[in-house]
C-alpha cells in the first residue's frame, strides 16, 4: 500500500462529514475578469530543493497551515503538531511548539515557540517589522507576536465566535499594511474581510456569504500589493477577488487554469503567487498547482502537481516568497513545507 493510500484511509476515517466539490465556472461574469495563461504557463522553471528543511532527528510536522518570510531570510512555519486530526476540537493547547523559524538558505532550525498557546493553528504572516501574526480557528482570534514569540496583541474574544468588530468566527489569514493597519479574512464561520487600525481598533468590514462580486464562500487567504490593493483567495467560489483598501470591489479572476485558490501572497518582485489546493477530494487524485500571476491576473508560470513525492503538493495550504525568488509551500496532508527555486 502506497504512502498516499495509507494517508487516504486515515483521512477518510477521520472526516466527520463529506466534503463537497464545487464546479469551476470558466466564463467571464459581467465586469469581472478571468485569469488567463501567459506564454510560460505549465513550464518547469521552478524545481524543488531536496532535503530542505533540515528537521531535528525524530521530528515530524503536524499539518502545516502557515508560512511567512521575514526580512532576515528566515522562514516561519505554523503547524498543528499533535492537533493534526481534521474535524476535531481540542480542550487543551498543543503540547509542543507550533511556530518554527528556519534559515531559508540552509534549512536549519533557528528557533521554535508557541507550546501551550494554540488550539487549531491556521494562518501566518510576517509584517515589515518582523512581527509574526497568526490566526487560530478554534480560539477565534488574531494574535500578534514579536519575532521571538512575545505576545504583543490579541484581537477577538478568546474562544467566543461572533460577527462584529470585537469577534471573529474561525478567521483564516491576515494582511498587514506598511503603516500597521491590518486586514483579516474571517473565513470559515463568517464570510467577510475586516479592517483594523494598528492598535487593533475595528475600522470597517465588507462581504457576506454568496457568489456575487464582493461576496465570499470561505475567504481563505488574503494579501496586499504595494499600492494597497487587497487580494482574497475566495476558495469555495474558485476565484481571487481584488478590492481597494476600503472594500470597493475591483475585479475577480476565475478560470480553469487558475483552479481553486487556497493561498495568495504578493512577493517582493510584485507578482502574485497562488496555491491551487484542488477540489477538497484528497482520496481522488486531482489538480494541485503553484502559480505565478502578474497583477493583471495573467498566469506567468505554473508548476507542481498532486501527490506527496518531492515537488508535489497534497493539500497545499499557504505560500511565501523570499527576496531571492524562492517559493515556499506549506502542505496540510503532506505535513511538510517545501522550497522551490527558479532555474533550468
C-alpha atoms as a PDB file:
ATOM      1  CA  UNK A   1       0.000   0.000   0.000  1.00  0.00           C
ATOM      2  CA  UNK A   2       1.430   3.372  -1.039  1.00  0.00           C
ATOM      3  CA  UNK A   3       2.051   6.327   1.272  1.00  0.00           C
ATOM      4  CA  UNK A   4      -0.853   8.229  -0.293  1.00  0.00           C
ATOM      5  CA  UNK A   5      -3.203   5.251   0.087  1.00  0.00           C
ATOM      6  CA  UNK A   6      -2.315   4.917   3.789  1.00  0.00           C
ATOM      7  CA  UNK A   7      -2.945   8.626   4.355  1.00  0.00           C
ATOM      8  CA  UNK A   8      -6.141   8.452   2.359  1.00  0.00           C
ATOM      9  CA  UNK A   9      -7.586   5.665   4.517  1.00  0.00           C
ATOM     10  CA  UNK A  10      -6.635   7.531   7.682  1.00  0.00           C
ATOM     11  CA  UNK A  11      -8.194  10.729   6.412  1.00  0.00           C
ATOM     12  CA  UNK A  12     -11.444   9.083   5.380  1.00  0.00           C
ATOM     13  CA  UNK A  13     -11.749   7.611   8.844  1.00  0.00           C
ATOM     14  CA  UNK A  14     -11.091  10.997  10.450  1.00  0.00           C
ATOM     15  CA  UNK A  15     -13.510  13.070   8.437  1.00  0.00           C
ATOM     16  CA  UNK A  16     -16.799  13.576  10.227  1.00  0.00           C
ATOM     17  CA  UNK A  17     -18.720  14.792   7.203  1.00  0.00           C
ATOM     18  CA  UNK A  18     -18.348  14.522   3.424  1.00  0.00           C
ATOM     19  CA  UNK A  19     -16.563  17.300   1.609  1.00  0.00           C
ATOM     20  CA  UNK A  20     -18.371  18.940  -1.286  1.00  0.00           C
ATOM     21  CA  UNK A  21     -16.689  19.733  -4.596  1.00  0.00           C
ATOM     22  CA  UNK A  22     -17.913  22.872  -6.325  1.00  0.00           C
ATOM     23  CA  UNK A  23     -17.600  23.232 -10.091  1.00  0.00           C
ATOM     24  CA  UNK A  24     -15.368  25.827 -11.744  1.00  0.00           C
ATOM     25  CA  UNK A  25     -17.163  28.431 -13.840  1.00  0.00           C
ATOM     26  CA  UNK A  26     -14.885  29.304 -16.746  1.00  0.00           C
ATOM     27  CA  UNK A  27     -16.954  32.172 -18.155  1.00  0.00           C
ATOM     28  CA  UNK A  28     -16.459  35.871 -17.581  1.00  0.00           C
ATOM     29  CA  UNK A  29     -19.200  37.306 -15.393  1.00  0.00           C
ATOM     30  CA  UNK A  30     -20.253  40.897 -16.071  1.00  0.00           C
ATOM     31  CA  UNK A  31     -17.422  43.265 -15.192  1.00  0.00           C
ATOM     32  CA  UNK A  32     -15.286  40.528 -13.669  1.00  0.00           C
ATOM     33  CA  UNK A  33     -12.085  39.213 -15.180  1.00  0.00           C
ATOM     34  CA  UNK A  34     -10.764  35.783 -15.984  1.00  0.00           C
ATOM     35  CA  UNK A  35      -7.255  34.652 -15.141  1.00  0.00           C
ATOM     36  CA  UNK A  36      -5.509  33.742 -18.371  1.00  0.00           C
ATOM     37  CA  UNK A  37      -2.388  31.749 -19.061  1.00  0.00           C
ATOM     38  CA  UNK A  38       0.800  33.506 -20.115  1.00  0.00           C
ATOM     39  CA  UNK A  39       3.343  32.143 -22.542  1.00  0.00           C
ATOM     40  CA  UNK A  40       5.150  30.077 -19.899  1.00  0.00           C
ATOM     41  CA  UNK A  41       2.168  28.557 -18.055  1.00  0.00           C
ATOM     42  CA  UNK A  42       2.831  24.911 -17.299  1.00  0.00           C
ATOM     43  CA  UNK A  43       6.616  25.352 -17.523  1.00  0.00           C
ATOM     44  CA  UNK A  44       9.166  23.541 -15.393  1.00  0.00           C
ATOM     45  CA  UNK A  45      11.068  26.704 -14.493  1.00  0.00           C
ATOM     46  CA  UNK A  46      10.839  26.025 -10.726  1.00  0.00           C
ATOM     47  CA  UNK A  47      12.219  22.910  -9.101  1.00  0.00           C
ATOM     48  CA  UNK A  48      12.065  21.572  -5.567  1.00  0.00           C
ATOM     49  CA  UNK A  49      15.083  21.690  -3.238  1.00  0.00           C
ATOM     50  CA  UNK A  50      15.520  18.158  -1.926  1.00  0.00           C
ATOM     51  CA  UNK A  51      16.361  17.773   1.765  1.00  0.00           C
ATOM     52  CA  UNK A  52      15.012  21.193   2.741  1.00  0.00           C
ATOM     53  CA  UNK A  53      14.384  21.928   5.609  1.00  0.00           C
ATOM     54  CA  UNK A  54      16.716  20.059   7.933  1.00  0.00           C
ATOM     55  CA  UNK A  55      14.452  18.736  10.680  1.00  0.00           C
ATOM     56  CA  UNK A  56      15.573  17.597  14.136  1.00  0.00           C
ATOM     57  CA  UNK A  57      16.044  13.857  14.390  1.00  0.00           C
ATOM     58  CA  UNK A  58      12.740  12.079  15.003  1.00  0.00           C
ATOM     59  CA  UNK A  59      10.663  15.208  14.388  1.00  0.00           C
ATOM     60  CA  UNK A  60       7.677  15.367  12.041  1.00  0.00           C
ATOM     61  CA  UNK A  61       5.456  18.358  11.341  1.00  0.00           C
ATOM     62  CA  UNK A  62       1.762  18.265  12.037  1.00  0.00           C
ATOM     63  CA  UNK A  63      -0.493  19.840   9.420  1.00  0.00           C
ATOM     64  CA  UNK A  64       1.480  22.792   8.040  1.00  0.00           C
ATOM     65  CA  UNK A  65      -1.053  25.599   7.720  1.00  0.00           C
ATOM     66  CA  UNK A  66       1.001  28.804   7.584  1.00  0.00           C
ATOM     67  CA  UNK A  67       4.338  30.027   6.197  1.00  0.00           C
ATOM     68  CA  UNK A  68       5.835  33.518   6.183  1.00  0.00           C
ATOM     69  CA  UNK A  69       9.192  35.130   5.364  1.00  0.00           C
ATOM     70  CA  UNK A  70      10.907  37.800   7.464  1.00  0.00           C
ATOM     71  CA  UNK A  71      13.476  40.425   6.438  1.00  0.00           C
ATOM     72  CA  UNK A  72      16.407  38.221   7.525  1.00  0.00           C
ATOM     73  CA  UNK A  73      15.625  35.418   5.066  1.00  0.00           C
ATOM     74  CA  UNK A  74      14.087  33.349   7.843  1.00  0.00           C
ATOM     75  CA  UNK A  75      11.005  31.287   7.111  1.00  0.00           C
ATOM     76  CA  UNK A  76       8.362  30.941   9.847  1.00  0.00           C
ATOM     77  CA  UNK A  77       6.273  27.784   9.737  1.00  0.00           C
ATOM     78  CA  UNK A  78       2.965  27.348  11.591  1.00  0.00           C
ATOM     79  CA  UNK A  79       1.856  23.752  12.130  1.00  0.00           C
ATOM     80  CA  UNK A  80      -0.637  21.852  14.263  1.00  0.00           C
ATOM     81  CA  UNK A  81       1.745  19.427  15.993  1.00  0.00           C
ATOM     82  CA  UNK A  82      -0.255  16.836  17.937  1.00  0.00           C
ATOM     83  CA  UNK A  83      -3.563  18.514  16.967  1.00  0.00           C
ATOM     84  CA  UNK A  84      -3.428  17.185  13.419  1.00  0.00           C
ATOM     85  CA  UNK A  85      -6.786  15.420  13.268  1.00  0.00           C
ATOM     86  CA  UNK A  86      -9.207  17.018  10.817  1.00  0.00           C
ATOM     87  CA  UNK A  87     -12.664  17.894  12.109  1.00  0.00           C
ATOM     88  CA  UNK A  88     -11.623  17.652  15.778  1.00  0.00           C
ATOM     89  CA  UNK A  89     -11.884  20.294  18.509  1.00  0.00           C
ATOM     90  CA  UNK A  90      -9.430  20.349  21.371  1.00  0.00           C
ATOM     91  CA  UNK A  91      -9.785  21.246  25.045  1.00  0.00           C
ATOM     92  CA  UNK A  92      -6.079  21.756  25.710  1.00  0.00           C
ATOM     93  CA  UNK A  93      -3.435  23.658  23.716  1.00  0.00           C
ATOM     94  CA  UNK A  94      -0.771  21.895  21.689  1.00  0.00           C
ATOM     95  CA  UNK A  95       1.871  20.395  23.923  1.00  0.00           C
ATOM     96  CA  UNK A  96       4.838  21.280  21.693  1.00  0.00           C
ATOM     97  CA  UNK A  97       5.942  24.421  19.831  1.00  0.00           C
ATOM     98  CA  UNK A  98       3.935  25.135  16.697  1.00  0.00           C
ATOM     99  CA  UNK A  99       5.810  28.193  15.373  1.00  0.00           C
ATOM    100  CA  UNK A 100       9.180  27.227  13.923  1.00  0.00           C
ATOM    101  CA  UNK A 101      11.779  29.527  12.388  1.00  0.00           C
ATOM    102  CA  UNK A 102      14.202  28.193   9.749  1.00  0.00           C
ATOM    103  CA  UNK A 103      17.154  29.695   7.948  1.00  0.00           C
ATOM    104  CA  UNK A 104      15.771  29.836   4.420  1.00  0.00           C
ATOM    105  CA  UNK A 105      19.156  29.274   2.794  1.00  0.00           C
ATOM    106  CA  UNK A 106      20.378  26.298   4.821  1.00  0.00           C
ATOM    107  CA  UNK A 107      17.059  24.915   6.091  1.00  0.00           C
ATOM    108  CA  UNK A 108      18.406  24.739   9.632  1.00  0.00           C
ATOM    109  CA  UNK A 109      16.025  25.275  12.551  1.00  0.00           C
ATOM    110  CA  UNK A 110      16.817  28.531  14.380  1.00  0.00           C
ATOM    111  CA  UNK A 111      14.019  28.837  16.933  1.00  0.00           C
ATOM    112  CA  UNK A 112      10.620  27.487  17.908  1.00  0.00           C
ATOM    113  CA  UNK A 113       7.887  28.676  20.240  1.00  0.00           C
ATOM    114  CA  UNK A 114       4.144  28.594  20.891  1.00  0.00           C
ATOM    115  CA  UNK A 115       3.701  25.468  23.007  1.00  0.00           C
ATOM    116  CA  UNK A 116       0.696  25.686  25.312  1.00  0.00           C
ATOM    117  CA  UNK A 117      -0.882  28.586  23.373  1.00  0.00           C
ATOM    118  CA  UNK A 118      -2.834  27.348  20.342  1.00  0.00           C
ATOM    119  CA  UNK A 119      -5.758  25.018  19.706  1.00  0.00           C
ATOM    120  CA  UNK A 120      -6.069  24.891  15.896  1.00  0.00           C
ATOM    121  CA  UNK A 121      -3.369  26.953  14.145  1.00  0.00           C
ATOM    122  CA  UNK A 122      -4.241  28.352  10.732  1.00  0.00           C
ATOM    123  CA  UNK A 123      -2.820  31.472   9.008  1.00  0.00           C
ATOM    124  CA  UNK A 124       0.550  33.194   9.469  1.00  0.00           C
ATOM    125  CA  UNK A 125       2.017  36.473   8.178  1.00  0.00           C
ATOM    126  CA  UNK A 126       5.223  38.338   8.971  1.00  0.00           C
ATOM    127  CA  UNK A 127       4.972  42.142   8.781  1.00  0.00           C
ATOM    128  CA  UNK A 128       7.627  44.657   7.715  1.00  0.00           C
ATOM    129  CA  UNK A 129       8.859  44.993  11.307  1.00  0.00           C
ATOM    130  CA  UNK A 130       9.279  41.184  11.502  1.00  0.00           C
ATOM    131  CA  UNK A 131       6.366  40.718  13.879  1.00  0.00           C
ATOM    132  CA  UNK A 132       4.573  37.390  13.432  1.00  0.00           C
ATOM    133  CA  UNK A 133       0.784  37.408  13.049  1.00  0.00           C
ATOM    134  CA  UNK A 134      -1.266  34.235  13.298  1.00  0.00           C
ATOM    135  CA  UNK A 135      -4.872  33.072  13.414  1.00  0.00           C
ATOM    136  CA  UNK A 136      -6.387  30.246  15.433  1.00  0.00           C
ATOM    137  CA  UNK A 137      -9.733  28.984  14.154  1.00  0.00           C
ATOM    138  CA  UNK A 138     -10.802  27.458  17.457  1.00  0.00           C
ATOM    139  CA  UNK A 139      -9.710  30.390  19.606  1.00  0.00           C
ATOM    140  CA  UNK A 140     -11.424  32.724  17.068  1.00  0.00           C
ATOM    141  CA  UNK A 141      -8.538  35.141  17.429  1.00  0.00           C
ATOM    142  CA  UNK A 142      -5.843  37.034  15.576  1.00  0.00           C
ATOM    143  CA  UNK A 143      -2.608  37.170  17.583  1.00  0.00           C
ATOM    144  CA  UNK A 144       0.432  39.393  17.033  1.00  0.00           C
ATOM    145  CA  UNK A 145       3.815  38.230  18.359  1.00  0.00           C
ATOM    146  CA  UNK A 146       7.313  39.622  18.331  1.00  0.00           C
ATOM    147  CA  UNK A 147       9.910  37.877  16.198  1.00  0.00           C
ATOM    148  CA  UNK A 148      10.958  35.880  19.258  1.00  0.00           C
ATOM    149  CA  UNK A 149       7.444  34.880  20.302  1.00  0.00           C
ATOM    150  CA  UNK A 150       6.318  37.514  22.823  1.00  0.00           C
ATOM    151  CA  UNK A 151       2.589  38.189  22.596  1.00  0.00           C
ATOM    152  CA  UNK A 152       2.035  41.831  21.611  1.00  0.00           C
ATOM    153  CA  UNK A 153      -1.686  41.961  20.823  1.00  0.00           C
ATOM    154  CA  UNK A 154      -4.761  39.720  20.740  1.00  0.00           C
ATOM    155  CA  UNK A 155      -7.796  40.668  18.657  1.00  0.00           C
ATOM    156  CA  UNK A 156     -11.103  38.882  19.138  1.00  0.00           C
ATOM    157  CA  UNK A 157     -12.604  37.384  22.271  1.00  0.00           C
ATOM    158  CA  UNK A 158     -10.857  34.126  23.128  1.00  0.00           C
ATOM    159  CA  UNK A 159     -12.998  31.094  22.319  1.00  0.00           C
ATOM    160  CA  UNK A 160     -16.111  33.177  21.525  1.00  0.00           C
ATOM    161  CA  UNK A 161     -17.253  33.380  17.877  1.00  0.00           C
ATOM    162  CA  UNK A 162     -19.189  36.355  16.573  1.00  0.00           C
ATOM    163  CA  UNK A 163     -19.739  38.782  13.734  1.00  0.00           C
ATOM    164  CA  UNK A 164     -18.815  42.293  14.852  1.00  0.00           C
ATOM    165  CA  UNK A 165     -15.799  44.499  15.477  1.00  0.00           C
ATOM    166  CA  UNK A 166     -14.716  42.552  18.554  1.00  0.00           C
ATOM    167  CA  UNK A 167     -15.305  38.984  17.383  1.00  0.00           C
ATOM    168  CA  UNK A 168     -14.344  36.610  14.599  1.00  0.00           C
ATOM    169  CA  UNK A 169     -15.650  33.204  13.628  1.00  0.00           C
ATOM    170  CA  UNK A 170     -12.762  30.982  12.553  1.00  0.00           C
ATOM    171  CA  UNK A 171     -10.529  33.656  10.982  1.00  0.00           C
ATOM    172  CA  UNK A 172      -8.192  32.305   8.340  1.00  0.00           C
ATOM    173  CA  UNK A 173      -5.478  34.827   7.450  1.00  0.00           C
ATOM    174  CA  UNK A 174      -4.051  38.347   7.855  1.00  0.00           C
ATOM    175  CA  UNK A 175      -2.553  41.009   5.596  1.00  0.00           C
ATOM    176  CA  UNK A 176      -0.611  43.840   7.238  1.00  0.00           C
ATOM    177  CA  UNK A 177      -0.113  47.247   5.622  1.00  0.00           C
ATOM    178  CA  UNK A 178       3.254  49.063   5.946  1.00  0.00           C
ATOM    179  CA  UNK A 179       1.785  51.605   8.390  1.00  0.00           C
ATOM    180  CA  UNK A 180       0.423  48.820  10.624  1.00  0.00           C
ATOM    181  CA  UNK A 181      -3.271  48.593   9.784  1.00  0.00           C
ATOM    182  CA  UNK A 182      -4.322  45.041   9.056  1.00  0.00           C
ATOM    183  CA  UNK A 183      -6.972  43.026   7.249  1.00  0.00           C
ATOM    184  CA  UNK A 184      -8.445  39.705   8.370  1.00  0.00           C
ATOM    185  CA  UNK A 185     -10.129  37.128   6.156  1.00  0.00           C
ATOM    186  CA  UNK A 186     -12.841  35.890   8.501  1.00  0.00           C
ATOM    187  CA  UNK A 187     -13.213  32.988   6.835  1.00  0.00           C
ATOM    188  CA  UNK A 188     -14.783  29.654   7.881  1.00  0.00           C
ATOM    189  CA  UNK A 189     -17.589  30.795  10.174  1.00  0.00           C
ATOM    190  CA  UNK A 190     -18.098  34.267   8.697  1.00  0.00           C
ATOM    191  CA  UNK A 191     -17.765  35.394   5.069  1.00  0.00           C
ATOM    192  CA  UNK A 192     -16.104  38.792   5.260  1.00  0.00           C
ATOM    193  CA  UNK A 193     -12.925  40.834   5.375  1.00  0.00           C
ATOM    194  CA  UNK A 194     -12.415  43.058   8.423  1.00  0.00           C
ATOM    195  CA  UNK A 195     -10.023  46.021   8.604  1.00  0.00           C
ATOM    196  CA  UNK A 196      -8.367  47.221  11.831  1.00  0.00           C
ATOM    197  CA  UNK A 197      -6.145  50.100  12.928  1.00  0.00           C
ATOM    198  CA  UNK A 198      -2.592  49.310  14.083  1.00  0.00           C
ATOM    199  CA  UNK A 199      -3.781  49.223  17.719  1.00  0.00           C
ATOM    200  CA  UNK A 200      -6.479  46.666  16.919  1.00  0.00           C
ATOM    201  CA  UNK A 201      -9.401  49.089  16.762  1.00  0.00           C
ATOM    202  CA  UNK A 202     -12.065  47.973  14.305  1.00  0.00           C
ATOM    203  CA  UNK A 203     -12.439  50.241  11.229  1.00  0.00           C
ATOM    204  CA  UNK A 204     -14.768  48.520   8.762  1.00  0.00           C
ATOM    205  CA  UNK A 205     -15.695  45.235   7.147  1.00  0.00           C
ATOM    206  CA  UNK A 206     -17.196  44.013   3.900  1.00  0.00           C
ATOM    207  CA  UNK A 207     -18.643  40.849   2.415  1.00  0.00           C
ATOM    208  CA  UNK A 208     -21.300  38.246   3.100  1.00  0.00           C
ATOM    209  CA  UNK A 209     -21.994  34.656   2.127  1.00  0.00           C
ATOM    210  CA  UNK A 210     -22.551  34.354  -1.605  1.00  0.00           C
ATOM    211  CA  UNK A 211     -21.002  34.136  -5.055  1.00  0.00           C
ATOM    212  CA  UNK A 212     -21.536  37.683  -6.338  1.00  0.00           C
ATOM    213  CA  UNK A 213     -18.915  40.439  -6.540  1.00  0.00           C
ATOM    214  CA  UNK A 214     -17.747  41.286  -3.027  1.00  0.00           C
ATOM    215  CA  UNK A 215     -19.365  38.185  -1.531  1.00  0.00           C
ATOM    216  CA  UNK A 216     -17.403  35.202  -0.234  1.00  0.00           C
ATOM    217  CA  UNK A 217     -17.596  31.482   0.300  1.00  0.00           C
ATOM    218  CA  UNK A 218     -14.610  30.640   2.507  1.00  0.00           C
ATOM    219  CA  UNK A 219     -12.281  33.625   2.163  1.00  0.00           C
ATOM    220  CA  UNK A 220      -9.215  31.547   2.954  1.00  0.00           C
ATOM    221  CA  UNK A 221      -6.202  33.781   2.355  1.00  0.00           C
ATOM    222  CA  UNK A 222      -5.540  37.494   1.975  1.00  0.00           C
ATOM    223  CA  UNK A 223      -2.646  39.659   0.809  1.00  0.00           C
ATOM    224  CA  UNK A 224      -1.998  43.191  -0.423  1.00  0.00           C
ATOM    225  CA  UNK A 225       0.278  44.816  -3.000  1.00  0.00           C
ATOM    226  CA  UNK A 226       2.453  47.894  -2.653  1.00  0.00           C
ATOM    227  CA  UNK A 227      -0.376  50.092  -3.968  1.00  0.00           C
ATOM    228  CA  UNK A 228      -2.743  48.925  -1.231  1.00  0.00           C
ATOM    229  CA  UNK A 229      -4.970  46.657  -3.313  1.00  0.00           C
ATOM    230  CA  UNK A 230      -6.329  43.647  -1.431  1.00  0.00           C
ATOM    231  CA  UNK A 231      -6.388  40.146  -2.949  1.00  0.00           C
ATOM    232  CA  UNK A 232      -8.597  37.459  -1.399  1.00  0.00           C
ATOM    233  CA  UNK A 233      -8.491  33.740  -2.174  1.00  0.00           C
ATOM    234  CA  UNK A 234     -12.245  33.075  -2.246  1.00  0.00           C
ATOM    235  CA  UNK A 235     -11.704  29.344  -2.010  1.00  0.00           C
ATOM    236  CA  UNK A 236     -15.115  27.728  -2.400  1.00  0.00           C
ATOM    237  CA  UNK A 237     -16.013  30.189  -5.158  1.00  0.00           C
ATOM    238  CA  UNK A 238     -12.839  29.143  -7.027  1.00  0.00           C
ATOM    239  CA  UNK A 239     -11.621  32.674  -7.612  1.00  0.00           C
ATOM    240  CA  UNK A 240      -9.451  35.551  -6.487  1.00  0.00           C
ATOM    241  CA  UNK A 241     -11.220  38.831  -5.754  1.00  0.00           C
ATOM    242  CA  UNK A 242      -9.447  42.194  -5.860  1.00  0.00           C
ATOM    243  CA  UNK A 243     -10.508  45.229  -3.780  1.00  0.00           C
ATOM    244  CA  UNK A 244      -9.451  48.730  -2.844  1.00  0.00           C
ATOM    245  CA  UNK A 245      -8.397  49.024   0.783  1.00  0.00           C
ATOM    246  CA  UNK A 246     -11.821  50.422   1.685  1.00  0.00           C
ATOM    247  CA  UNK A 247     -13.546  47.268   0.424  1.00  0.00           C
ATOM    248  CA  UNK A 248     -14.554  48.604  -3.004  1.00  0.00           C
ATOM    249  CA  UNK A 249     -14.746  45.680  -5.417  1.00  0.00           C
ATOM    250  CA  UNK A 250     -12.431  45.975  -8.427  1.00  0.00           C
ATOM    251  CA  UNK A 251     -12.446  42.634 -10.251  1.00  0.00           C
ATOM    252  CA  UNK A 252     -12.333  38.862  -9.936  1.00  0.00           C
ATOM    253  CA  UNK A 253     -10.091  36.285 -11.581  1.00  0.00           C
ATOM    254  CA  UNK A 254     -11.595  32.897 -12.241  1.00  0.00           C
ATOM    255  CA  UNK A 255     -10.698  30.173 -14.729  1.00  0.00           C
ATOM    256  CA  UNK A 256      -9.896  26.507 -15.130  1.00  0.00           C
ATOM    257  CA  UNK A 257      -6.203  27.402 -15.314  1.00  0.00           C
ATOM    258  CA  UNK A 258      -6.379  29.235 -12.005  1.00  0.00           C
ATOM    259  CA  UNK A 259      -8.280  26.393 -10.352  1.00  0.00           C
ATOM    260  CA  UNK A 260      -9.326  26.744  -6.724  1.00  0.00           C
ATOM    261  CA  UNK A 261      -7.049  29.244  -4.926  1.00  0.00           C
ATOM    262  CA  UNK A 262      -6.297  28.304  -1.330  1.00  0.00           C
ATOM    263  CA  UNK A 263      -3.471  30.757  -0.663  1.00  0.00           C
ATOM    264  CA  UNK A 264      -2.217  34.037  -2.112  1.00  0.00           C
ATOM    265  CA  UNK A 265       0.763  36.261  -1.425  1.00  0.00           C
ATOM    266  CA  UNK A 266       2.417  39.170  -3.207  1.00  0.00           C
ATOM    267  CA  UNK A 267       6.174  38.715  -3.457  1.00  0.00           C
ATOM    268  CA  UNK A 268       8.755  41.493  -3.249  1.00  0.00           C
ATOM    269  CA  UNK A 269       9.047  41.127  -7.037  1.00  0.00           C
ATOM    270  CA  UNK A 270       5.488  42.427  -7.412  1.00  0.00           C
ATOM    271  CA  UNK A 271       3.983  39.160  -8.641  1.00  0.00           C
ATOM    272  CA  UNK A 272       1.096  37.305  -7.030  1.00  0.00           C
ATOM    273  CA  UNK A 273       1.855  33.718  -6.007  1.00  0.00           C
ATOM    274  CA  UNK A 274      -1.032  31.297  -5.624  1.00  0.00           C
ATOM    275  CA  UNK A 275      -1.610  27.755  -4.389  1.00  0.00           C
ATOM    276  CA  UNK A 276      -4.353  25.877  -6.190  1.00  0.00           C
ATOM    277  CA  UNK A 277      -5.163  23.384  -3.449  1.00  0.00           C
ATOM    278  CA  UNK A 278      -7.601  21.377  -5.618  1.00  0.00           C
ATOM    279  CA  UNK A 279     -11.225  20.479  -5.006  1.00  0.00           C
ATOM    280  CA  UNK A 280     -11.246  19.081  -1.461  1.00  0.00           C
ATOM    281  CA  UNK A 281     -11.089  15.494  -2.730  1.00  0.00           C
ATOM    282  CA  UNK A 282      -7.969  14.093  -1.055  1.00  0.00           C
ATOM    283  CA  UNK A 283      -8.878  10.483  -1.767  1.00  0.00           C
ATOM    284  CA  UNK A 284      -9.059  11.123  -5.518  1.00  0.00           C
ATOM    285  CA  UNK A 285      -6.037  12.467  -7.406  1.00  0.00           C
ATOM    286  CA  UNK A 286      -6.850  15.970  -8.568  1.00  0.00           C
ATOM    287  CA  UNK A 287      -5.054  19.075  -9.700  1.00  0.00           C
ATOM    288  CA  UNK A 288      -2.711  20.813  -7.283  1.00  0.00           C
ATOM    289  CA  UNK A 289      -0.558  23.598  -8.660  1.00  0.00           C
ATOM    290  CA  UNK A 290       1.570  26.574  -7.741  1.00  0.00           C
ATOM    291  CA  UNK A 291       1.044  29.631  -9.928  1.00  0.00           C
ATOM    292  CA  UNK A 292       2.710  32.967 -10.534  1.00  0.00           C
ATOM    293  CA  UNK A 293       0.495  35.803 -11.809  1.00  0.00           C
ATOM    294  CA  UNK A 294       1.054  39.399 -12.730  1.00  0.00           C
ATOM    295  CA  UNK A 295      -1.244  41.913 -11.067  1.00  0.00           C
ATOM    296  CA  UNK A 296      -3.495  41.975 -14.117  1.00  0.00           C
ATOM    297  CA  UNK A 297      -4.434  38.370 -13.382  1.00  0.00           C
ATOM    298  CA  UNK A 298      -2.384  36.780 -16.167  1.00  0.00           C
ATOM    299  CA  UNK A 299      -0.704  33.472 -15.335  1.00  0.00           C
ATOM    300  CA  UNK A 300       3.043  33.831 -15.920  1.00  0.00           C
ATOM    301  CA  UNK A 301       4.150  30.450 -14.616  1.00  0.00           C
ATOM    302  CA  UNK A 302       2.648  27.244 -13.246  1.00  0.00           C
ATOM    303  CA  UNK A 303       4.258  24.183 -11.721  1.00  0.00           C
ATOM    304  CA  UNK A 304       3.851  21.188  -9.354  1.00  0.00           C
ATOM    305  CA  UNK A 305       1.154  18.509  -9.315  1.00  0.00           C
ATOM    306  CA  UNK A 306      -0.907  16.398  -6.935  1.00  0.00           C
ATOM    307  CA  UNK A 307       0.905  13.910  -4.686  1.00  0.00           C
ATOM    308  CA  UNK A 308       3.267  13.538  -1.745  1.00  0.00           C
ATOM    309  CA  UNK A 309       6.559  12.997  -3.542  1.00  0.00           C
ATOM    310  CA  UNK A 310       9.126  15.796  -3.502  1.00  0.00           C
ATOM    311  CA  UNK A 311       7.917  18.596  -5.725  1.00  0.00           C
ATOM    312  CA  UNK A 312       4.253  17.594  -5.498  1.00  0.00           C
ATOM    313  CA  UNK A 313       1.662  19.054  -3.123  1.00  0.00           C
ATOM    314  CA  UNK A 314      -1.038  17.300  -1.129  1.00  0.00           C
ATOM    315  CA  UNK A 315      -3.497  19.962   0.054  1.00  0.00           C
ATOM    316  CA  UNK A 316      -1.156  22.935  -0.304  1.00  0.00           C
ATOM    317  CA  UNK A 317      -2.375  25.448   2.286  1.00  0.00           C
ATOM    318  CA  UNK A 318      -0.108  28.512   2.355  1.00  0.00           C
ATOM    319  CA  UNK A 319       2.671  30.144   0.339  1.00  0.00           C
ATOM    320  CA  UNK A 320       5.566  32.543   0.979  1.00  0.00           C
ATOM    321  CA  UNK A 321       8.213  34.066  -1.290  1.00  0.00           C
ATOM    322  CA  UNK A 322      11.782  35.073  -0.460  1.00  0.00           C
ATOM    323  CA  UNK A 323      13.568  38.125  -1.814  1.00  0.00           C
ATOM    324  CA  UNK A 324      15.735  35.754  -3.842  1.00  0.00           C
ATOM    325  CA  UNK A 325      12.656  34.368  -5.616  1.00  0.00           C
ATOM    326  CA  UNK A 326      12.446  31.077  -3.724  1.00  0.00           C
ATOM    327  CA  UNK A 327       8.864  29.911  -3.136  1.00  0.00           C
ATOM    328  CA  UNK A 328       7.792  28.021  -0.012  1.00  0.00           C
ATOM    329  CA  UNK A 329       4.570  25.997   0.244  1.00  0.00           C
ATOM    330  CA  UNK A 330       3.071  24.538   3.415  1.00  0.00           C
ATOM    331  CA  UNK A 331       1.193  21.290   2.967  1.00  0.00           C
ATOM    332  CA  UNK A 332      -1.680  20.038   5.141  1.00  0.00           C
ATOM    333  CA  UNK A 333      -1.862  16.330   4.365  1.00  0.00           C
ATOM    334  CA  UNK A 334       1.770  16.098   3.311  1.00  0.00           C
ATOM    335  CA  UNK A 335       2.721  17.529   6.744  1.00  0.00           C
ATOM    336  CA  UNK A 336       5.662  19.423   5.307  1.00  0.00           C
ATOM    337  CA  UNK A 337       6.972  22.653   3.849  1.00  0.00           C
ATOM    338  CA  UNK A 338       8.784  22.597   0.513  1.00  0.00           C
ATOM    339  CA  UNK A 339      11.171  25.045  -1.107  1.00  0.00           C
ATOM    340  CA  UNK A 340      11.027  25.705  -4.854  1.00  0.00           C
ATOM    341  CA  UNK A 341      13.671  27.745  -6.663  1.00  0.00           C
ATOM    342  CA  UNK A 342      13.717  29.178 -10.182  1.00  0.00           C
ATOM    343  CA  UNK A 343      16.146  27.668 -12.626  1.00  0.00           C
ATOM    344  CA  UNK A 344      16.536  25.346 -15.556  1.00  0.00           C
END
